[in-house]
Every structure is written in structure tokens, then in C-alpha cells.
Amino acid sequence: MSQFSPIVSVIMPCYNQGKYVNEAVDSVLNQTFQSFEIILINDGSTDEETNQILGTYQKPGVTVLHTENRGPAAARNTGIQYARGQYILPLDADDRIAPAYMEQAVRILDENPNVGIVYCEAEFFGEKTGKFDLPGFNFPGILLGNMIFNSSFYRKADWEKVGGYKNDFRGWEDYDFWLSLIELGREVVRIPEVLFYYRQINSSRSNSMTRQNWIEYYTHLFNNHKELYSQNIRVLFEHIVDLREDVQRTHARLNETLKLLFEADEQRRQAENQRQQVEAQLHAIQSSRLDRLYNKLIKLKKLLGRS
């Protein structure tokens, strides 16, 4: 790796994730592209193990900063302020990247000045495994939902232009930041290969969103990017209309299904009534035959008694 003027600065916030740090750092050290630095930020960890590990952490090209706990956005901003690289890669301390990720991303950024974000395909690991099935980037589709994960490359100069991550937007600081870069007119490229591995644990922030969180976060996002949303208001209303039509189609299918179920139940009840009627008729026939046989038997006994 380059010890002087690195091309890439890997920014790694860590809050009580000390047991995973070596995996994340080693995945960076194993890159095929070696002009980088790693800035590891201890974001006010309260875990004794984490503080012990980071307190004496020494690996090539790694600088450790210690701050009070202010959240991922502030931790990244702090790390980037110290960064010497022209390109930035945020990487959480419990995630990993594939060996070729940096090489491929740097090539794209070097060759395409208008590209401001480079990311890739991803997979889950940990308590959940499988493909991280995000839709490919499209604009203005990203206004309706984020499709770029946090471990994506961008230019430090662009971070400076937009004022970094917003510290008051915990949870969607990445989404908000991507929209800020898009407002600069930057293009987005996704590498069609799995090069990022996203650890899944019970405490993952993305697993704890409530309905109220969604409403508040979208409102916050709109307020931060009013012009961008206003310029593309049509796509929002198209989405609302599409949802309305989906709901109407769902209701229609539900009503048709209920109708079919009602008809099937009615046919079942009719068939049950017919069965009961047939059984009653059979019982009546059997009873009538028994009565006749019994009467004949009585008559026969009387005749035999006379003789």
C-alpha cells in the first residue's frame, strides 16, 4: 500500500464492533489496488473489548481516532476531515469488501470525471445470507427509495462541496448524502459483480424501522432536497397513482376470490343438503321394507299357530 498521498481513504466508524474489526481491515489490506489508507474511528464505544482492541490497534496503513459517540454520520465526517485520499470509501467495522473492489472502482472514477458514485452488487453474511437484492440505480427512481448502500466510492471534493454527511439524520444519512451528490449532477455506476459483503446481526439499524420512522425520514429527506423533489414531482404522483391502481386491482382480485369462495361454499352446502335428503330417502325405504317384512312375519306366525 502507499504510505504517501494515497489515492483512496477507507473510512471505518466503529461502535462496539471490536470483535469484527480485523475482518474488515484485512479485507482492505488484501486489495489488489494498494494505494490507500484506513482511518478507523472509535465512535465513543462503551464495550470494554472494543476499547481494548482499538486502544492498541496497529496494522499497516491504519490510523485510529477516538471520539465521543455522535453516530455514523459524524464519525465519517471526522474521518474524512483527516483523509488524504482523493476518493473515499466508507466501510462499517463489521462488513467486508472483495479484493478487486477498490481496483475496479478507482479505474471507473479515474476514467470518468462525471461519475460521482461507484458501487457494486452485494451479499449478506452473518445471521442472514444470500444476495442483497437491491434494484439497479435509476433516476428519478432513487427519490422513492434508496438503492445505493453506504460502502460506495465517491470523491472527497464532492463531499466538501455538499458539506459532508448531515449529522442530524441518523439512519438515512447515506441516502441523504447520495441525493446531495446527485444534485451536483454526478453520475452513478454500479459494477455488475458482488464485491461488498454486508453483515447481518439482530441490532442492524435497517431491521428496526417502524412505520413512523418511514414517515419521518421521508419527510426529512424531502425537506433537505425540496428542489430535487419539486423538479421531479411527476414521478412521485405517478408512484401514488400506481399504488392506487395496485390497491384497486388487489381489491378486485380479493372480491373475485371471495365471490368464488362464496359460490363454492354454497355449492358445498347444496351438495350436503342433497346428501342428507338421499340418506333420508334411503332410510325411509329401508324402514318401509323392514316394516313390510315384519308384518309378513307376524302373519306367518299366526298361520303356523293355527295349524
Foldseek 3Di string as FASTA:
>chain_A
DDPPQAQEEEQEEAAPPQVQQVQAVVLVPLAPDPRYAYEYEDQQHPDPNNCVCLVPPDDPRYHYHYDYHLADQVSRVVRLVVDSHFKYFYDYSNKHWHRHPVVVQVVVCVVDVQAFKEEEWAWEDAPDTDTPDADDDDPPVLLVDNRGDRGIMGGSVLCVVLVGFDSVQPPCSSSLSVVSSVVVVGDYYYHHDHTIYHYDDPPPSVVDDDPVNVVVNSVVSCVSPVVRCVVVVVVVVVVVVVVVVVVVVVVVVVVVVVVVVVVVVVVVVVVVVVVVVVVVVVVVVVVVVVVVVVVVVVVVVVVVVVD
